[in-house]
């Protein structure tokens, strides 16, 4: 409880670190915060050209929304993934990159990876607001599920934060970790139904006579988060209860384990850096 009290008392420091990250991210750039929209839009355009026009990937029509727009379907899963990837990468390197500060003065070190969540969370809110407006223009009635969308965003932030906390400790001991995680994140994305629908995996598994592959595939937490986001935002329907249990368990367990691992190793960080 003592560490938690220290962390809660450093709310102002966390807010300042988050503001510093937000302001410094696009400092001295012409477009400034617009880059937070340009980057995902450019990524969407690339994947749309490759998967929708070249590979002719098709997604099921939104039920009951009736939407049949691949770029919008893609963005409902891509934006949460980009947020997750950024939080994990930034949280993992937050301790090593602030080594000189950690050696000079004491403060709850957890504020460093948490500030990464806050800064990228701010960007994600802007991106999600834009995609929700566009979805509404195309007829999506996502606003009926807005509280559930917000809840899923919080759970995903907890999931990504927990991984960032754990990896930040590992990265202090093994500096190769940040390079290995970069490769793992690339693999993780393509092993998740972000740019392609889950039905492709199901069809391939059925064709190979190995339906158990789908059950193994669905153990991926990102698959659950993507499914819930698309159910709420694109299809406009309540997600399956098993998906809700999956995202709730992933978010809470990841954050709890990350908090315990980080808090128990924090005192050693200054001498290890």
C-alpha atoms as a PDB file:
ATOM      1  CA  UNK A   1       0.000   0.000   0.000  1.00  0.00           C
ATOM      2  CA  UNK A   2       2.935   2.346   0.659  1.00  0.00           C
ATOM      3  CA  UNK A   3       4.083   2.201  -2.945  1.00  0.00           C
ATOM      4  CA  UNK A   4       0.537   2.698  -4.205  1.00  0.00           C
ATOM      5  CA  UNK A   5       0.200   5.745  -1.936  1.00  0.00           C
ATOM      6  CA  UNK A   6       3.452   7.177  -3.333  1.00  0.00           C
ATOM      7  CA  UNK A   7       2.194   6.582  -6.836  1.00  0.00           C
ATOM      8  CA  UNK A   8      -1.123   8.279  -6.144  1.00  0.00           C
ATOM      9  CA  UNK A   9       0.624  11.249  -4.548  1.00  0.00           C
ATOM     10  CA  UNK A  10       2.674  11.744  -7.728  1.00  0.00           C
ATOM     11  CA  UNK A  11      -0.367  12.496  -9.882  1.00  0.00           C
ATOM     12  CA  UNK A  12       0.959  15.941 -10.754  1.00  0.00           C
ATOM     13  CA  UNK A  13       4.298  14.505 -11.869  1.00  0.00           C
ATOM     14  CA  UNK A  14       2.488  11.951 -14.028  1.00  0.00           C
ATOM     15  CA  UNK A  15       0.392  14.705 -15.617  1.00  0.00           C
ATOM     16  CA  UNK A  16       3.514  16.775 -16.338  1.00  0.00           C
ATOM     17  CA  UNK A  17       5.381  13.815 -17.829  1.00  0.00           C
ATOM     18  CA  UNK A  18       2.378  12.962 -20.000  1.00  0.00           C
ATOM     19  CA  UNK A  19       2.084  16.579 -21.188  1.00  0.00           C
ATOM     20  CA  UNK A  20       5.816  16.592 -21.961  1.00  0.00           C
ATOM     21  CA  UNK A  21       5.442  13.442 -24.054  1.00  0.00           C
ATOM     22  CA  UNK A  22       2.444  14.831 -25.929  1.00  0.00           C
ATOM     23  CA  UNK A  23       4.097  18.183 -26.662  1.00  0.00           C
ATOM     24  CA  UNK A  24       7.488  16.728 -27.529  1.00  0.00           C
ATOM     25  CA  UNK A  25       6.258  13.983 -29.820  1.00  0.00           C
ATOM     26  CA  UNK A  26       5.831  16.224 -32.864  1.00  0.00           C
ATOM     27  CA  UNK A  27       7.885  19.238 -31.775  1.00  0.00           C
ATOM     28  CA  UNK A  28       9.333  21.304 -34.638  1.00  0.00           C
ATOM     29  CA  UNK A  29       7.219  19.543 -37.250  1.00  0.00           C
ATOM     30  CA  UNK A  30       5.100  21.360 -39.822  1.00  0.00           C
ATOM     31  CA  UNK A  31       1.906  19.362 -39.261  1.00  0.00           C
ATOM     32  CA  UNK A  32       2.296  18.888 -35.506  1.00  0.00           C
ATOM     33  CA  UNK A  33      -0.428  16.728 -33.953  1.00  0.00           C
ATOM     34  CA  UNK A  34      -1.905  16.125 -37.400  1.00  0.00           C
ATOM     35  CA  UNK A  35       0.753  13.450 -37.797  1.00  0.00           C
ATOM     36  CA  UNK A  36      -1.235  11.370 -35.312  1.00  0.00           C
ATOM     37  CA  UNK A  37      -3.941  11.200 -37.990  1.00  0.00           C
ATOM     38  CA  UNK A  38      -1.721  11.142 -41.075  1.00  0.00           C
ATOM     39  CA  UNK A  39       0.271   8.086 -39.956  1.00  0.00           C
ATOM     40  CA  UNK A  40      -2.702   5.725 -39.396  1.00  0.00           C
ATOM     41  CA  UNK A  41      -4.415   7.041 -42.542  1.00  0.00           C
ATOM     42  CA  UNK A  42      -1.317   6.277 -44.598  1.00  0.00           C
ATOM     43  CA  UNK A  43      -1.135   2.803 -43.041  1.00  0.00           C
ATOM     44  CA  UNK A  44      -4.828   2.266 -43.801  1.00  0.00           C
ATOM     45  CA  UNK A  45      -4.287   3.276 -47.429  1.00  0.00           C
ATOM     46  CA  UNK A  46      -1.393   0.834 -47.842  1.00  0.00           C
ATOM     47  CA  UNK A  47      -3.264  -2.112 -46.332  1.00  0.00           C
ATOM     48  CA  UNK A  48      -6.409  -1.267 -48.266  1.00  0.00           C
ATOM     49  CA  UNK A  49      -4.512  -1.288 -51.565  1.00  0.00           C
ATOM     50  CA  UNK A  50      -2.627  -4.490 -50.756  1.00  0.00           C
ATOM     51  CA  UNK A  51      -5.384  -6.554 -49.144  1.00  0.00           C
ATOM     52  CA  UNK A  52      -8.577  -5.149 -50.635  1.00  0.00           C
ATOM     53  CA  UNK A  53      -7.506  -4.434 -54.213  1.00  0.00           C
ATOM     54  CA  UNK A  54      -4.571  -6.766 -54.842  1.00  0.00           C
ATOM     55  CA  UNK A  55      -5.416  -9.796 -52.678  1.00  0.00           C
ATOM     56  CA  UNK A  56      -9.179  -9.140 -52.994  1.00  0.00           C
ATOM     57  CA  UNK A  57      -9.780  -9.648 -49.284  1.00  0.00           C
ATOM     58  CA  UNK A  58     -13.465  -9.332 -48.445  1.00  0.00           C
ATOM     59  CA  UNK A  59     -15.086  -8.907 -45.069  1.00  0.00           C
ATOM     60  CA  UNK A  60     -18.611  -9.828 -44.099  1.00  0.00           C
ATOM     61  CA  UNK A  61     -21.237  -7.121 -44.272  1.00  0.00           C
ATOM     62  CA  UNK A  62     -21.788  -5.523 -40.878  1.00  0.00           C
ATOM     63  CA  UNK A  63     -24.644  -7.227 -39.041  1.00  0.00           C
ATOM     64  CA  UNK A  64     -26.954  -5.439 -38.402  1.00  0.00           C
ATOM     65  CA  UNK A  65     -25.281  -2.170 -39.462  1.00  0.00           C
ATOM     66  CA  UNK A  66     -25.130  -3.160 -43.142  1.00  0.00           C
ATOM     67  CA  UNK A  67     -21.709  -1.532 -43.566  1.00  0.00           C
ATOM     68  CA  UNK A  68     -19.508  -2.952 -46.307  1.00  0.00           C
ATOM     69  CA  UNK A  69     -16.491  -0.616 -46.327  1.00  0.00           C
ATOM     70  CA  UNK A  70     -13.125  -2.358 -45.914  1.00  0.00           C
ATOM     71  CA  UNK A  71     -11.135   0.767 -44.851  1.00  0.00           C
ATOM     72  CA  UNK A  72     -13.585   1.442 -42.005  1.00  0.00           C
ATOM     73  CA  UNK A  73     -13.555  -2.198 -40.936  1.00  0.00           C
ATOM     74  CA  UNK A  74      -9.758  -2.098 -41.028  1.00  0.00           C
ATOM     75  CA  UNK A  75      -9.477   1.064 -38.927  1.00  0.00           C
ATOM     76  CA  UNK A  76     -11.715  -0.371 -36.182  1.00  0.00           C
ATOM     77  CA  UNK A  77      -8.993  -2.957 -35.531  1.00  0.00           C
ATOM     78  CA  UNK A  78      -5.915  -1.064 -36.708  1.00  0.00           C
ATOM     79  CA  UNK A  79      -6.191   1.963 -34.403  1.00  0.00           C
ATOM     80  CA  UNK A  80      -6.392  -0.151 -31.214  1.00  0.00           C
ATOM     81  CA  UNK A  81      -3.425  -2.213 -32.429  1.00  0.00           C
ATOM     82  CA  UNK A  82      -1.305   0.882 -33.173  1.00  0.00           C
ATOM     83  CA  UNK A  83      -2.059   2.176 -29.678  1.00  0.00           C
ATOM     84  CA  UNK A  84      -1.112  -1.170 -28.119  1.00  0.00           C
ATOM     85  CA  UNK A  85       2.128  -1.407 -30.089  1.00  0.00           C
ATOM     86  CA  UNK A  86       3.156   2.161 -29.232  1.00  0.00           C
ATOM     87  CA  UNK A  87       2.437   1.760 -25.516  1.00  0.00           C
ATOM     88  CA  UNK A  88       4.394  -1.505 -25.329  1.00  0.00           C
ATOM     89  CA  UNK A  89       7.395  -0.075 -27.199  1.00  0.00           C
ATOM     90  CA  UNK A  90       7.463   3.221 -25.322  1.00  0.00           C
ATOM     91  CA  UNK A  91       6.750   1.678 -21.926  1.00  0.00           C
ATOM     92  CA  UNK A  92       9.477  -0.917 -22.431  1.00  0.00           C
ATOM     93  CA  UNK A  93      12.171   1.722 -23.143  1.00  0.00           C
ATOM     94  CA  UNK A  94      10.914   4.369 -20.693  1.00  0.00           C
ATOM     95  CA  UNK A  95      13.224   3.327 -17.840  1.00  0.00           C
ATOM     96  CA  UNK A  96      16.411   2.941 -19.872  1.00  0.00           C
ATOM     97  CA  UNK A  97      15.867   6.186 -21.794  1.00  0.00           C
ATOM     98  CA  UNK A  98      15.388   8.124 -18.516  1.00  0.00           C
ATOM     99  CA  UNK A  99      18.336   6.547 -16.713  1.00  0.00           C
ATOM    100  CA  UNK A 100      20.040   9.845 -15.883  1.00  0.00           C
ATOM    101  CA  UNK A 101      16.867  11.194 -14.278  1.00  0.00           C
ATOM    102  CA  UNK A 102      16.349   8.030 -12.234  1.00  0.00           C
ATOM    103  CA  UNK A 103      19.901   8.249 -10.839  1.00  0.00           C
ATOM    104  CA  UNK A 104      19.502  11.869  -9.719  1.00  0.00           C
ATOM    105  CA  UNK A 105      16.230  11.992  -7.803  1.00  0.00           C
ATOM    106  CA  UNK A 106      13.709   9.623  -6.310  1.00  0.00           C
ATOM    107  CA  UNK A 107      10.152   9.473  -7.601  1.00  0.00           C
ATOM    108  CA  UNK A 108       7.840   6.537  -8.296  1.00  0.00           C
ATOM    109  CA  UNK A 109       9.481   5.074 -11.396  1.00  0.00           C
ATOM    110  CA  UNK A 110       6.179   3.667 -12.578  1.00  0.00           C
ATOM    111  CA  UNK A 111       5.162   7.181 -13.627  1.00  0.00           C
ATOM    112  CA  UNK A 112       7.524   6.849 -16.602  1.00  0.00           C
ATOM    113  CA  UNK A 113       5.787   3.920 -18.367  1.00  0.00           C
ATOM    114  CA  UNK A 114       2.393   5.256 -17.227  1.00  0.00           C
ATOM    115  CA  UNK A 115       3.140   8.567 -18.950  1.00  0.00           C
ATOM    116  CA  UNK A 116       3.604   6.612 -22.186  1.00  0.00           C
ATOM    117  CA  UNK A 117       0.085   5.250 -21.755  1.00  0.00           C
ATOM    118  CA  UNK A 118      -1.229   8.754 -21.160  1.00  0.00           C
ATOM    119  CA  UNK A 119       0.499  10.364 -24.142  1.00  0.00           C
ATOM    120  CA  UNK A 120      -0.451   7.676 -26.638  1.00  0.00           C
ATOM    121  CA  UNK A 121      -3.882   7.467 -25.034  1.00  0.00           C
ATOM    122  CA  UNK A 122      -4.427  11.135 -25.848  1.00  0.00           C
ATOM    123  CA  UNK A 123      -3.494  10.492 -29.487  1.00  0.00           C
ATOM    124  CA  UNK A 124      -5.709   7.416 -29.580  1.00  0.00           C
ATOM    125  CA  UNK A 125      -8.705   9.374 -28.277  1.00  0.00           C
ATOM    126  CA  UNK A 126      -8.329  11.847 -31.129  1.00  0.00           C
ATOM    127  CA  UNK A 127      -8.010   9.057 -33.695  1.00  0.00           C
ATOM    128  CA  UNK A 128     -11.008   7.184 -32.293  1.00  0.00           C
ATOM    129  CA  UNK A 129     -13.104  10.347 -32.287  1.00  0.00           C
ATOM    130  CA  UNK A 130     -12.351  10.853 -35.985  1.00  0.00           C
ATOM    131  CA  UNK A 131     -13.154   7.259 -36.989  1.00  0.00           C
ATOM    132  CA  UNK A 132     -16.385   7.343 -34.965  1.00  0.00           C
ATOM    133  CA  UNK A 133     -17.497  10.480 -36.776  1.00  0.00           C
ATOM    134  CA  UNK A 134     -16.721   8.877 -40.142  1.00  0.00           C
ATOM    135  CA  UNK A 135     -18.579   5.701 -39.128  1.00  0.00           C
ATOM    136  CA  UNK A 136     -21.609   7.776 -38.168  1.00  0.00           C
ATOM    137  CA  UNK A 137     -21.536   9.497 -41.572  1.00  0.00           C
ATOM    138  CA  UNK A 138     -21.696   6.047 -43.194  1.00  0.00           C
ATOM    139  CA  UNK A 139     -24.698   5.104 -41.086  1.00  0.00           C
ATOM    140  CA  UNK A 140     -23.144   3.282 -38.142  1.00  0.00           C
ATOM    141  CA  UNK A 141     -25.140   3.594 -34.914  1.00  0.00           C
ATOM    142  CA  UNK A 142     -22.152   3.056 -32.616  1.00  0.00           C
ATOM    143  CA  UNK A 143     -23.366   5.791 -30.235  1.00  0.00           C
ATOM    144  CA  UNK A 144     -25.783   3.291 -28.678  1.00  0.00           C
ATOM    145  CA  UNK A 145     -22.714   1.359 -27.481  1.00  0.00           C
ATOM    146  CA  UNK A 146     -20.457   4.275 -26.508  1.00  0.00           C
ATOM    147  CA  UNK A 147     -20.072   3.264 -22.810  1.00  0.00           C
ATOM    148  CA  UNK A 148     -19.022  -0.243 -23.881  1.00  0.00           C
ATOM    149  CA  UNK A 149     -16.566   1.172 -26.433  1.00  0.00           C
ATOM    150  CA  UNK A 150     -15.031   3.331 -23.679  1.00  0.00           C
ATOM    151  CA  UNK A 151     -14.835   0.311 -21.357  1.00  0.00           C
ATOM    152  CA  UNK A 152     -13.043  -1.732 -24.014  1.00  0.00           C
ATOM    153  CA  UNK A 153     -10.595   1.124 -24.542  1.00  0.00           C
ATOM    154  CA  UNK A 154      -9.800   1.198 -20.823  1.00  0.00           C
ATOM    155  CA  UNK A 155      -9.288  -2.577 -20.729  1.00  0.00           C
ATOM    156  CA  UNK A 156      -6.976  -2.444 -23.741  1.00  0.00           C
ATOM    157  CA  UNK A 157      -4.985   0.377 -22.124  1.00  0.00           C
ATOM    158  CA  UNK A 158      -4.621  -1.772 -18.981  1.00  0.00           C
ATOM    159  CA  UNK A 159      -3.504  -4.733 -21.087  1.00  0.00           C
ATOM    160  CA  UNK A 160      -0.877  -2.736 -22.997  1.00  0.00           C
ATOM    161  CA  UNK A 161       0.285  -0.943 -19.846  1.00  0.00           C
ATOM    162  CA  UNK A 162       0.808  -4.224 -18.005  1.00  0.00           C
ATOM    163  CA  UNK A 163       2.978  -5.581 -20.813  1.00  0.00           C
ATOM    164  CA  UNK A 164       4.917  -2.313 -20.946  1.00  0.00           C
ATOM    165  CA  UNK A 165       5.581  -2.450 -17.188  1.00  0.00           C
ATOM    166  CA  UNK A 166       6.845  -6.028 -17.335  1.00  0.00           C
ATOM    167  CA  UNK A 167       9.021  -5.464 -20.391  1.00  0.00           C
ATOM    168  CA  UNK A 168      10.506  -2.254 -18.975  1.00  0.00           C
ATOM    169  CA  UNK A 169      12.014  -4.298 -16.134  1.00  0.00           C
ATOM    170  CA  UNK A 170      13.239  -7.036 -18.460  1.00  0.00           C
ATOM    171  CA  UNK A 171      14.760  -4.420 -20.775  1.00  0.00           C
ATOM    172  CA  UNK A 172      16.881  -3.017 -17.934  1.00  0.00           C
ATOM    173  CA  UNK A 173      18.489  -6.438 -17.473  1.00  0.00           C
ATOM    174  CA  UNK A 174      18.625  -7.451 -21.154  1.00  0.00           C
ATOM    175  CA  UNK A 175      18.934  -4.560 -23.613  1.00  0.00           C
ATOM    176  CA  UNK A 176      18.371  -6.934 -26.531  1.00  0.00           C
ATOM    177  CA  UNK A 177      14.749  -7.220 -25.434  1.00  0.00           C
ATOM    178  CA  UNK A 178      13.624  -4.091 -27.270  1.00  0.00           C
ATOM    179  CA  UNK A 179      14.876  -5.525 -30.558  1.00  0.00           C
ATOM    180  CA  UNK A 180      13.289  -8.912 -29.935  1.00  0.00           C
ATOM    181  CA  UNK A 181       9.981  -7.280 -29.007  1.00  0.00           C
ATOM    182  CA  UNK A 182      10.030  -5.257 -32.231  1.00  0.00           C
ATOM    183  CA  UNK A 183      10.180  -8.502 -34.213  1.00  0.00           C
ATOM    184  CA  UNK A 184       7.579 -10.165 -31.984  1.00  0.00           C
ATOM    185  CA  UNK A 185       5.144  -7.266 -32.446  1.00  0.00           C
ATOM    186  CA  UNK A 186       5.365  -7.591 -36.224  1.00  0.00           C
ATOM    187  CA  UNK A 187       4.577 -11.290 -35.964  1.00  0.00           C
ATOM    188  CA  UNK A 188       1.816 -10.605 -33.439  1.00  0.00           C
ATOM    189  CA  UNK A 189       0.059  -8.219 -35.779  1.00  0.00           C
ATOM    190  CA  UNK A 190      -0.101 -10.694 -38.655  1.00  0.00           C
ATOM    191  CA  UNK A 191      -1.180 -13.462 -36.295  1.00  0.00           C
ATOM    192  CA  UNK A 192      -4.160 -11.302 -35.307  1.00  0.00           C
ATOM    193  CA  UNK A 193      -7.267 -10.557 -37.437  1.00  0.00           C
ATOM    194  CA  UNK A 194      -6.421  -6.905 -37.975  1.00  0.00           C
ATOM    195  CA  UNK A 195      -5.954  -6.642 -41.739  1.00  0.00           C
ATOM    196  CA  UNK A 196      -7.895  -9.832 -42.552  1.00  0.00           C
ATOM    197  CA  UNK A 197     -11.113 -11.306 -41.117  1.00  0.00           C
ATOM    198  CA  UNK A 198     -11.232 -14.247 -38.733  1.00  0.00           C
ATOM    199  CA  UNK A 199     -13.297 -16.124 -41.325  1.00  0.00           C
ATOM    200  CA  UNK A 200     -10.128 -16.626 -43.406  1.00  0.00           C
ATOM    201  CA  UNK A 201      -8.527 -18.488 -40.508  1.00  0.00           C
ATOM    202  CA  UNK A 202     -11.678 -20.554 -39.986  1.00  0.00           C
ATOM    203  CA  UNK A 203     -11.887 -21.473 -43.671  1.00  0.00           C
ATOM    204  CA  UNK A 204      -8.222 -22.465 -43.794  1.00  0.00           C
ATOM    205  CA  UNK A 205      -8.519 -24.523 -40.610  1.00  0.00           C
ATOM    206  CA  UNK A 206     -11.625 -26.312 -41.874  1.00  0.00           C
ATOM    207  CA  UNK A 207      -9.994 -26.931 -45.247  1.00  0.00           C
ATOM    208  CA  UNK A 208      -6.991 -28.501 -43.546  1.00  0.00           C
ATOM    209  CA  UNK A 209      -9.254 -30.599 -41.337  1.00  0.00           C
ATOM    210  CA  UNK A 210      -7.805 -28.979 -38.202  1.00  0.00           C
ATOM    211  CA  UNK A 211     -10.585 -26.934 -36.563  1.00  0.00           C
ATOM    212  CA  UNK A 212      -8.598 -26.833 -33.299  1.00  0.00           C
ATOM    213  CA  UNK A 213      -6.396 -24.184 -34.921  1.00  0.00           C
ATOM    214  CA  UNK A 214      -9.205 -21.638 -34.539  1.00  0.00           C
ATOM    215  CA  UNK A 215      -9.490 -22.324 -30.806  1.00  0.00           C
ATOM    216  CA  UNK A 216      -5.736 -21.876 -30.457  1.00  0.00           C
ATOM    217  CA  UNK A 217      -5.875 -18.709 -32.545  1.00  0.00           C
ATOM    218  CA  UNK A 218      -8.589 -17.201 -30.335  1.00  0.00           C
ATOM    219  CA  UNK A 219      -6.321 -17.439 -27.288  1.00  0.00           C
ATOM    220  CA  UNK A 220      -4.662 -14.312 -28.700  1.00  0.00           C
ATOM    221  CA  UNK A 221      -5.932 -11.368 -26.572  1.00  0.00           C
ATOM    222  CA  UNK A 222      -5.660  -8.970 -29.520  1.00  0.00           C
ATOM    223  CA  UNK A 223      -8.128 -11.146 -31.416  1.00  0.00           C
ATOM    224  CA  UNK A 224     -10.628 -10.654 -28.594  1.00  0.00           C
ATOM    225  CA  UNK A 225     -10.094  -6.904 -28.381  1.00  0.00           C
ATOM    226  CA  UNK A 226     -10.379  -6.475 -32.163  1.00  0.00           C
ATOM    227  CA  UNK A 227     -13.562  -8.543 -32.268  1.00  0.00           C
ATOM    228  CA  UNK A 228     -15.200  -6.505 -29.509  1.00  0.00           C
ATOM    229  CA  UNK A 229     -14.271  -3.183 -31.133  1.00  0.00           C
ATOM    230  CA  UNK A 230     -15.647  -4.284 -34.501  1.00  0.00           C
ATOM    231  CA  UNK A 231     -18.821  -5.724 -32.982  1.00  0.00           C
ATOM    232  CA  UNK A 232     -19.556  -2.417 -31.255  1.00  0.00           C
ATOM    233  CA  UNK A 233     -18.326   0.102 -33.812  1.00  0.00           C
ATOM    234  CA  UNK A 234     -18.726  -1.608 -37.196  1.00  0.00           C
ATOM    235  CA  UNK A 235     -21.444  -4.217 -36.740  1.00  0.00           C
ATOM    236  CA  UNK A 236     -23.381  -2.313 -34.027  1.00  0.00           C
ATOM    237  CA  UNK A 237     -24.162  -5.352 -31.915  1.00  0.00           C
ATOM    238  CA  UNK A 238     -23.330  -6.665 -28.460  1.00  0.00           C
ATOM    239  CA  UNK A 239     -20.209  -8.854 -28.471  1.00  0.00           C
ATOM    240  CA  UNK A 240     -20.312 -12.476 -27.416  1.00  0.00           C
ATOM    241  CA  UNK A 241     -19.995 -12.856 -23.638  1.00  0.00           C
ATOM    242  CA  UNK A 242     -16.916 -15.045 -24.069  1.00  0.00           C
ATOM    243  CA  UNK A 243     -15.163 -12.180 -25.850  1.00  0.00           C
ATOM    244  CA  UNK A 244     -16.053  -9.853 -22.970  1.00  0.00           C
ATOM    245  CA  UNK A 245     -14.653 -12.327 -20.463  1.00  0.00           C
ATOM    246  CA  UNK A 246     -11.506 -12.580 -22.586  1.00  0.00           C
ATOM    247  CA  UNK A 247     -10.838  -8.829 -22.739  1.00  0.00           C
ATOM    248  CA  UNK A 248     -11.713  -8.349 -19.059  1.00  0.00           C
ATOM    249  CA  UNK A 249      -9.346 -11.126 -17.999  1.00  0.00           C
ATOM    250  CA  UNK A 250      -6.565  -9.945 -20.337  1.00  0.00           C
ATOM    251  CA  UNK A 251      -6.774  -6.318 -19.191  1.00  0.00           C
ATOM    252  CA  UNK A 252      -6.982  -6.977 -15.454  1.00  0.00           C
ATOM    253  CA  UNK A 253      -4.438  -9.808 -15.306  1.00  0.00           C
ATOM    254  CA  UNK A 254      -1.882  -8.026 -17.475  1.00  0.00           C
ATOM    255  CA  UNK A 255      -2.059  -4.822 -15.431  1.00  0.00           C
ATOM    256  CA  UNK A 256      -1.979  -6.663 -12.092  1.00  0.00           C
ATOM    257  CA  UNK A 257       1.037  -8.777 -13.047  1.00  0.00           C
ATOM    258  CA  UNK A 258       2.799  -5.758 -14.534  1.00  0.00           C
ATOM    259  CA  UNK A 259       2.198  -3.710 -11.375  1.00  0.00           C
ATOM    260  CA  UNK A 260       3.487  -6.464  -9.076  1.00  0.00           C
ATOM    261  CA  UNK A 261       6.589  -7.164 -11.202  1.00  0.00           C
ATOM    262  CA  UNK A 262       7.471  -3.485 -11.525  1.00  0.00           C
ATOM    263  CA  UNK A 263       6.863  -2.505  -7.901  1.00  0.00           C
ATOM    264  CA  UNK A 264       8.995  -5.391  -6.619  1.00  0.00           C
ATOM    265  CA  UNK A 265      11.930  -4.500  -8.872  1.00  0.00           C
ATOM    266  CA  UNK A 266      11.787  -0.699  -8.760  1.00  0.00           C
ATOM    267  CA  UNK A 267      14.331  -0.213  -5.945  1.00  0.00           C
ATOM    268  CA  UNK A 268      17.059  -1.949  -7.966  1.00  0.00           C
ATOM    269  CA  UNK A 269      16.665   0.171 -11.096  1.00  0.00           C
ATOM    270  CA  UNK A 270      19.036   3.020 -10.215  1.00  0.00           C
ATOM    271  CA  UNK A 271      21.988   0.688  -9.549  1.00  0.00           C
ATOM    272  CA  UNK A 272      21.258  -1.436 -12.631  1.00  0.00           C
ATOM    273  CA  UNK A 273      21.177   1.470 -15.093  1.00  0.00           C
END
